[in-house]
Amino acid sequence: MFPIAFHFLTVAIWGPIYLGEAVFCGALCLDAGMASILPQVTVPFVAANLTQSLWCAAFRPSYSQGWHKYVSVMMLGSTAYSLSLIPFVDLATTTTTSSLYWIPLAMHFGWTTAATLVNLNGSLAMNYDVQESTMIAAGHASSVLATALGVGVTLSYQLPAYGLTIAWALAACAKGMRVSTAENVGAKIQKGLLTMGSIVSAGTAIYTLVV
């Protein structure tokens, strides 16, 4: 039930993420204030990009059967986990560098968080014997978990960009379900959870910006 594809909205966000991270990498060379944060950022940032590269490599026929189809989920989840190790709170309070540098990293963190759940549901759907009730339960649980992470991480890390990215992802999933809500009650509930999660995550992000 949880949408398998993010459609255009999901592809479009990679442009700002990678363009912003290119600026971030350039700032490491040009901004003297960035030198002090290299030891704290380098390892998780490199690990995130390495595991995301492995995630891309996992989309091949040999990884579509058995437990192998969950390799892509593990790699993308590892990407999100690696980015979570960046000490965003400490960097925002102890460095003199612009907080704008951390926006693309926070967006990357948020997007891979949401995409991991989408990837997991997609891998479950590849089991031809999986029951519809199982997919419905997985979709509902994924929507609730994404919302909880959108709120919890945004507040604890003080990362409005993370919450807004989760909100964007949930809204994209809800938009992708428009066709399937006509007769399917489970899909209608799913869309409601996604829409509400998007609103709550966005509201939390705005809260962190104004408080």
Protein backbone atom coordinates (compact mmCIF):
# COMPACT_ATOMS: atom_id res chain seq x y z
CA MET A 1 0.00 0.00 0.00
CA PHE A 2 2.85 2.39 0.77
CA PRO A 3 3.71 4.11 -2.55
CA ILE A 4 6.51 2.42 -4.42
CA ALA A 5 7.60 5.47 -6.45
CA PHE A 6 8.02 9.13 -5.59
CA HIS A 7 7.36 10.24 -9.20
CA PHE A 8 8.67 13.62 -10.33
CA LEU A 9 8.72 15.16 -6.86
CA THR A 10 11.14 12.52 -5.64
CA VAL A 11 13.56 12.99 -8.51
CA ALA A 12 13.50 16.78 -8.38
CA ILE A 13 14.81 16.98 -4.83
CA TRP A 14 18.12 15.30 -5.67
CA GLY A 15 19.16 18.38 -7.65
CA PRO A 16 19.11 20.75 -4.64
CA ILE A 17 20.65 18.08 -2.41
CA TYR A 18 23.66 17.37 -4.59
CA LEU A 19 24.10 20.97 -5.72
CA GLY A 20 24.06 22.04 -2.06
CA GLU A 21 26.51 19.33 -1.08
CA ALA A 22 28.81 20.43 -3.91
CA VAL A 23 28.76 23.93 -2.39
CA PHE A 24 29.43 22.37 1.01
CA CYS A 25 32.46 20.50 -0.32
CA GLY A 26 33.71 23.67 -2.02
CA ALA A 27 33.32 25.60 1.24
CA LEU A 28 35.59 23.08 2.95
CA CYS A 29 38.37 24.36 0.69
CA LEU A 30 37.51 28.04 0.62
CA ASP A 31 36.09 28.82 4.06
CA ALA A 32 38.78 28.74 6.75
CA GLY A 33 36.14 28.31 9.43
CA MET A 34 35.18 24.94 7.97
CA ALA A 35 38.56 23.37 8.76
CA SER A 36 37.67 22.79 12.40
CA ILE A 37 34.63 20.66 11.57
CA LEU A 38 36.30 18.30 9.11
CA PRO A 39 37.05 15.57 11.69
CA GLN A 40 33.40 15.55 12.80
CA VAL A 41 31.85 15.47 9.35
CA THR A 42 34.20 13.60 7.03
CA VAL A 43 33.67 10.01 8.19
CA PRO A 44 29.83 10.04 8.30
CA PHE A 45 29.60 12.03 5.06
CA VAL A 46 31.94 9.69 3.17
CA ALA A 47 30.19 6.63 4.66
CA ALA A 48 26.80 7.99 3.57
CA ASN A 49 27.92 8.46 -0.02
CA LEU A 50 29.63 5.07 -0.10
CA THR A 51 26.55 3.21 1.15
CA GLN A 52 24.32 5.15 -1.23
CA SER A 53 26.56 4.08 -4.11
CA LEU A 54 26.19 0.48 -2.95
CA TRP A 55 22.42 1.04 -2.79
CA CYS A 56 22.46 1.96 -6.48
CA ALA A 57 24.56 -1.12 -7.26
CA ALA A 58 22.00 -3.34 -5.49
CA PHE A 59 19.36 -2.69 -8.16
CA ARG A 60 20.23 -5.64 -10.38
CA PRO A 61 18.47 -8.91 -11.21
CA SER A 62 20.68 -10.98 -8.89
CA TYR A 63 19.42 -8.90 -5.94
CA SER A 64 15.72 -9.40 -6.65
CA GLN A 65 15.28 -12.80 -5.02
CA GLY A 66 15.23 -14.06 -1.43
CA TRP A 67 16.93 -11.99 1.23
CA HIS A 68 19.04 -10.25 -1.42
CA LYS A 69 16.17 -7.89 -2.24
CA TYR A 70 16.62 -6.33 1.19
CA VAL A 71 20.26 -5.41 0.53
CA SER A 72 19.15 -2.14 -1.07
CA VAL A 73 17.06 -1.37 2.02
CA MET A 74 20.05 -1.99 4.29
CA MET A 75 22.33 0.19 2.18
CA LEU A 76 19.89 3.10 2.05
CA GLY A 77 19.16 2.75 5.75
CA SER A 78 22.91 2.83 6.37
CA THR A 79 23.09 6.07 4.38
CA ALA A 80 20.48 7.70 6.60
CA TYR A 81 22.17 6.33 9.73
CA SER A 82 25.58 7.63 8.63
CA LEU A 83 24.15 11.11 8.08
CA SER A 84 22.51 10.96 11.51
CA LEU A 85 26.01 10.74 13.02
CA ILE A 86 26.85 14.24 11.86
CA PRO A 87 26.67 16.38 15.05
CA PHE A 88 24.30 18.98 13.62
CA VAL A 89 23.46 20.50 17.00
CA ASP A 90 27.09 20.92 18.06
CA LEU A 91 28.12 22.31 14.69
CA ALA A 92 25.35 24.89 14.77
CA THR A 93 26.41 26.17 18.20
CA THR A 94 30.19 25.79 18.24
CA THR A 95 31.28 26.89 14.76
CA THR A 96 31.29 30.25 13.03
CA THR A 97 30.36 28.79 9.64
CA SER A 98 27.04 29.55 8.01
CA SER A 99 24.19 27.25 8.99
CA LEU A 100 23.20 27.21 5.30
CA TYR A 101 25.97 24.69 4.71
CA TRP A 102 24.09 22.08 6.73
CA ILE A 103 20.79 22.37 4.85
CA PRO A 104 21.69 19.98 1.98
CA LEU A 105 23.08 17.44 4.46
CA ALA A 106 19.89 17.63 6.51
CA MET A 107 17.82 17.24 3.34
CA HIS A 108 19.88 14.22 2.33
CA PHE A 109 19.35 12.75 5.81
CA GLY A 110 15.60 13.30 5.64
CA TRP A 111 15.18 12.04 2.11
CA THR A 112 17.11 8.82 2.66
CA THR A 113 15.11 8.24 5.85
CA ALA A 114 11.84 8.37 3.92
CA ALA A 115 13.25 6.53 0.91
CA THR A 116 14.41 3.66 3.15
CA LEU A 117 10.83 3.05 4.22
CA VAL A 118 9.62 3.23 0.62
CA ASN A 119 12.37 0.83 -0.41
CA LEU A 120 11.38 -1.57 2.38
CA ASN A 121 7.75 -1.60 1.28
CA GLY A 122 8.83 -2.13 -2.30
CA SER A 123 10.97 -5.11 -1.29
CA LEU A 124 8.06 -6.59 0.66
CA ALA A 125 5.83 -6.20 -2.39
CA MET A 126 8.29 -8.28 -4.41
CA ASN A 127 7.22 -11.31 -2.37
CA TYR A 128 4.49 -12.74 -4.57
CA ASP A 129 2.97 -14.66 -1.68
CA VAL A 130 2.71 -11.64 0.63
CA GLN A 131 -0.84 -10.98 1.75
CA GLU A 132 -2.58 -7.68 1.07
CA SER A 133 -3.26 -7.24 4.78
CA THR A 134 0.49 -7.43 5.43
CA MET A 135 1.22 -4.76 2.84
CA ILE A 136 -1.52 -2.54 4.27
CA ALA A 137 -0.13 -2.92 7.78
CA ALA A 138 3.42 -2.23 6.56
CA GLY A 139 2.26 0.88 4.70
CA HIS A 140 0.37 2.27 7.68
CA ALA A 141 3.28 1.53 10.04
CA SER A 142 5.73 3.18 7.63
CA SER A 143 3.60 6.32 7.45
CA VAL A 144 3.40 6.58 11.24
CA LEU A 145 7.13 5.87 11.66
CA ALA A 146 8.09 8.46 9.05
CA THR A 147 5.96 11.04 10.85
CA ALA A 148 7.45 10.14 14.23
CA LEU A 149 10.96 10.51 12.82
CA GLY A 150 10.02 13.76 11.12
CA VAL A 151 8.91 15.20 14.43
CA GLY A 152 11.46 13.56 16.74
CA VAL A 153 14.60 14.15 14.71
CA THR A 154 13.60 17.68 13.76
CA LEU A 155 13.14 18.64 17.41
CA SER A 156 16.13 16.76 18.86
CA TYR A 157 18.57 17.82 16.12
CA GLN A 158 16.99 21.25 15.63
CA LEU A 159 16.88 20.53 11.90
CA PRO A 160 13.91 22.19 10.20
CA ALA A 161 15.28 21.12 6.81
CA TYR A 162 14.92 17.48 7.89
CA GLY A 163 11.29 17.92 8.91
CA LEU A 164 10.44 19.79 5.72
CA THR A 165 12.08 17.07 3.63
CA ILE A 166 10.08 14.36 5.40
CA ALA A 167 6.96 16.47 4.82
CA TRP A 168 7.83 16.75 1.11
CA ALA A 169 8.35 12.98 0.87
CA LEU A 170 5.07 12.15 2.59
CA ALA A 171 3.21 14.64 0.42
CA ALA A 172 4.76 13.07 -2.69
CA CYS A 173 3.63 9.62 -1.57
CA ALA A 174 0.11 10.90 -0.87
CA LYS A 175 -0.01 12.52 -4.30
CA GLY A 176 1.05 9.25 -5.89
CA MET A 177 -1.95 7.48 -4.34
CA ARG A 178 -4.68 9.58 -5.96
CA VAL A 179 -5.56 6.96 -8.54
CA SER A 180 -5.80 4.13 -6.02
CA THR A 181 -8.15 5.76 -3.50
CA ALA A 182 -11.37 5.48 -5.50
CA GLU A 183 -12.51 2.08 -4.20
CA ASN A 184 -9.84 0.90 -1.76
CA VAL A 185 -10.59 1.77 1.88
CA GLY A 186 -7.07 0.84 2.96
CA ALA A 187 -5.62 3.22 0.40
CA LYS A 188 -7.84 6.03 1.65
CA ILE A 189 -6.60 5.50 5.20
CA GLN A 190 -3.04 5.34 3.90
CA LYS A 191 -3.41 8.61 2.05
CA GLY A 192 -4.88 10.24 5.14
CA LEU A 193 -1.93 9.09 7.26
CA LEU A 194 0.54 10.38 4.68
CA THR A 195 -1.20 13.73 4.39
CA MET A 196 -1.47 14.19 8.14
CA GLY A 197 2.15 13.14 8.58
CA SER A 198 3.25 15.70 6.01
CA ILE A 199 1.33 18.47 7.78
CA VAL A 200 2.65 17.51 11.22
CA SER A 201 6.26 17.24 10.03
CA ALA A 202 6.06 20.59 8.24
CA GLY A 203 4.48 22.18 11.30
CA THR A 204 7.26 20.86 13.52
CA ALA A 205 9.87 22.24 11.15
CA ILE A 206 8.23 25.66 11.16
CA TYR A 207 8.06 25.53 14.95
CA THR A 208 11.83 25.00 15.20
CA LEU A 209 12.38 27.96 12.90
CA VAL A 210 10.31 30.46 14.84
CA VAL A 211 10.98 29.38 18.47
